[in-house]
Amino acid sequence: AMCQRCVRIDPYFKYVYAFGGASLAWNLTRYDEALELLNEGIEHNPQFYPFHLYAAAIIYMREGKAVDMMNKLEEAVKYPDCPFEVKLILGNIYTKYGRYEDAANIWVNIYYTAKLEDRKNGAKQKLEKLIAEKKLSEKFLEKIK
């Protein structure tokens, strides 16, 4: 509801659609609301195709098609304006499915692109945890020093 209030004021504020859609879908499992918000974003910003990627990823998630969902999120994180939350979601999904090096690459990317110090620290902690659990080589920590 809060995201929809924001886009009523400015329907071209793309970050709200992306952040809101990701949060509703992956944090709250409110897929229909996430898709409704993204569809509104598509209506107002039809040429901004990351919204299409996010919507497809949500549909795949809802249908239990994890590989297809990861493929769509992988496309989405290539955009320089991809929200931090989408990267975080993909990194966590990689970890869940045992794709530890892929997850580590996401954490390294977050470490270098995050503007907030707590996000950088969170990415570093995720790397350290995977290394401590012997799921990842220490070479990944060298990438952030």
Protein backbone atom coordinates (compact mmCIF):
# COMPACT_ATOMS: atom_id res chain seq x y z
CA ALA A 1 0.00 0.00 0.00
CA MET A 2 2.84 2.40 0.83
CA CYS A 3 4.53 1.81 -2.54
CA GLN A 4 1.26 2.44 -4.34
CA ARG A 5 0.88 5.75 -2.52
CA CYS A 6 4.35 6.78 -3.68
CA VAL A 7 3.69 5.94 -7.31
CA ARG A 8 0.38 7.80 -7.23
CA ILE A 9 2.47 10.91 -6.64
CA ASP A 10 5.10 9.97 -9.23
CA PRO A 11 4.19 7.06 -11.55
CA TYR A 12 7.65 7.25 -13.15
CA PHE A 13 9.58 6.58 -9.93
CA LYS A 14 10.86 3.20 -11.12
CA TYR A 15 12.73 2.25 -7.96
CA VAL A 16 9.49 2.08 -5.97
CA TYR A 17 8.01 -0.50 -8.34
CA ALA A 18 11.20 -2.59 -8.33
CA PHE A 19 11.83 -2.41 -4.59
CA GLY A 20 8.17 -2.87 -3.71
CA GLY A 21 7.70 -5.78 -6.10
CA ALA A 22 10.79 -7.56 -4.80
CA SER A 23 9.89 -6.98 -1.15
CA LEU A 24 6.30 -8.10 -1.58
CA ALA A 25 7.26 -11.24 -3.49
CA TRP A 26 10.36 -12.55 -1.77
CA ASN A 27 10.10 -11.15 1.74
CA LEU A 28 6.35 -11.40 2.25
CA THR A 29 5.33 -14.04 -0.36
CA ARG A 30 2.55 -11.72 -1.54
CA TYR A 31 3.06 -12.59 -5.19
CA ASP A 32 -0.21 -11.22 -6.54
CA GLU A 33 0.33 -7.81 -4.94
CA ALA A 34 3.90 -7.75 -6.23
CA LEU A 35 2.73 -8.51 -9.75
CA GLU A 36 -0.02 -5.90 -9.50
CA LEU A 37 2.54 -3.26 -8.54
CA LEU A 38 4.95 -4.31 -11.30
CA ASN A 39 2.16 -4.36 -13.87
CA GLU A 40 1.32 -0.80 -12.89
CA GLY A 41 5.00 0.06 -13.35
CA ILE A 42 4.94 -1.55 -16.80
CA GLU A 43 1.84 0.43 -17.70
CA HIS A 44 3.54 3.73 -16.84
CA ASN A 45 7.04 2.75 -18.03
CA PRO A 46 6.50 0.27 -20.90
CA GLN A 47 10.05 0.55 -22.25
CA PHE A 48 11.64 -0.25 -18.88
CA TYR A 49 11.98 -3.95 -19.33
CA PRO A 50 13.58 -4.87 -15.98
CA PHE A 51 10.00 -4.80 -14.68
CA HIS A 52 9.18 -7.59 -17.13
CA LEU A 53 12.14 -9.60 -15.80
CA TYR A 54 11.06 -9.12 -12.18
CA ALA A 55 7.48 -10.10 -13.00
CA ALA A 56 8.62 -13.24 -14.81
CA ALA A 57 10.90 -14.17 -11.90
CA ILE A 58 8.00 -13.77 -9.46
CA ILE A 59 5.73 -15.93 -11.59
CA TYR A 60 8.40 -18.63 -11.80
CA MET A 61 8.92 -18.45 -8.04
CA ARG A 62 5.21 -18.79 -7.41
CA GLU A 63 5.10 -21.82 -9.73
CA GLY A 64 8.13 -23.45 -8.10
CA LYS A 65 10.38 -23.04 -11.16
CA ALA A 66 13.58 -22.06 -9.37
CA VAL A 67 15.96 -22.36 -12.34
CA ASP A 68 13.79 -20.15 -14.54
CA MET A 69 13.44 -17.67 -11.70
CA MET A 70 17.21 -17.52 -11.20
CA ASN A 71 17.71 -16.95 -14.94
CA LYS A 72 15.41 -13.93 -14.86
CA LEU A 73 17.04 -12.50 -11.75
CA GLU A 74 20.47 -13.01 -13.35
CA GLU A 75 19.32 -10.84 -16.24
CA ALA A 76 17.99 -8.23 -13.82
CA VAL A 77 21.18 -7.87 -11.76
CA LYS A 78 23.14 -6.93 -14.90
CA TYR A 79 21.48 -3.50 -14.83
CA PRO A 80 23.49 -0.85 -12.99
CA ASP A 81 20.31 0.47 -11.37
CA CYS A 82 19.18 -2.96 -10.17
CA PRO A 83 17.97 -2.52 -6.58
CA PHE A 84 20.18 -3.92 -3.83
CA GLU A 85 17.27 -6.06 -2.66
CA VAL A 86 17.11 -7.95 -5.97
CA LYS A 87 20.83 -8.74 -5.75
CA LEU A 88 20.37 -9.85 -2.15
CA ILE A 89 17.48 -12.12 -3.15
CA LEU A 90 19.53 -13.74 -5.92
CA GLY A 91 22.52 -14.25 -3.61
CA ASN A 92 20.31 -15.90 -0.99
CA ILE A 93 18.67 -18.12 -3.61
CA TYR A 94 22.08 -19.19 -4.92
CA THR A 95 23.08 -20.11 -1.37
CA LYS A 96 19.86 -22.04 -0.83
CA TYR A 97 20.49 -24.09 -3.97
CA GLY A 98 24.16 -24.74 -3.23
CA ARG A 99 25.56 -22.38 -5.85
CA TYR A 100 28.08 -20.94 -3.42
CA GLU A 101 30.53 -19.40 -5.89
CA ASP A 102 27.67 -17.66 -7.69
CA ALA A 103 26.44 -16.39 -4.32
CA ALA A 104 29.95 -15.21 -3.47
CA ASN A 105 30.16 -13.25 -6.70
CA ILE A 106 26.91 -11.49 -5.76
CA TRP A 107 28.27 -10.67 -2.28
CA VAL A 108 31.49 -9.27 -3.80
CA ASN A 109 29.41 -7.17 -6.21
CA ILE A 110 27.29 -5.86 -3.34
CA TYR A 111 30.42 -5.09 -1.34
CA TYR A 112 31.74 -2.85 -4.11
CA THR A 113 28.49 -1.26 -5.23
CA ALA A 114 26.57 -0.75 -1.98
CA LYS A 115 26.39 2.84 -0.82
CA LEU A 116 25.57 1.96 2.78
CA GLU A 117 28.25 0.57 5.06
CA ASP A 118 25.90 -1.95 6.73
CA ARG A 119 25.18 -3.52 3.33
CA LYS A 120 28.91 -3.85 2.63
CA ASN A 121 29.40 -5.43 6.05
CA GLY A 122 26.47 -7.76 5.47
CA ALA A 123 27.96 -8.94 2.18
CA LYS A 124 31.32 -9.53 3.87
CA GLN A 125 29.63 -11.49 6.67
CA LYS A 126 27.86 -13.70 4.14
CA LEU A 127 31.21 -14.47 2.49
CA GLU A 128 32.81 -15.20 5.87
CA LYS A 129 29.97 -17.52 6.81
CA LEU A 130 30.27 -19.56 3.60
CA ILE A 131 34.04 -19.82 4.15
CA ALA A 132 33.60 -20.84 7.80
CA GLU A 133 31.14 -23.53 6.70
CA LYS A 134 33.77 -24.79 4.21
CA LYS A 135 31.45 -24.11 1.29
CA LEU A 136 33.73 -21.54 -0.28
CA SER A 137 37.43 -20.87 -0.77
CA GLU A 138 39.10 -18.03 1.12
CA LYS A 139 40.07 -16.50 -2.24
CA PHE A 140 36.73 -14.68 -2.23
CA LEU A 141 37.67 -12.69 0.87
CA GLU A 142 40.79 -11.54 -0.96
CA LYS A 143 38.52 -9.95 -3.58
CA ILE A 144 37.19 -7.47 -1.04
CA LYS A 145 40.46 -6.42 0.58
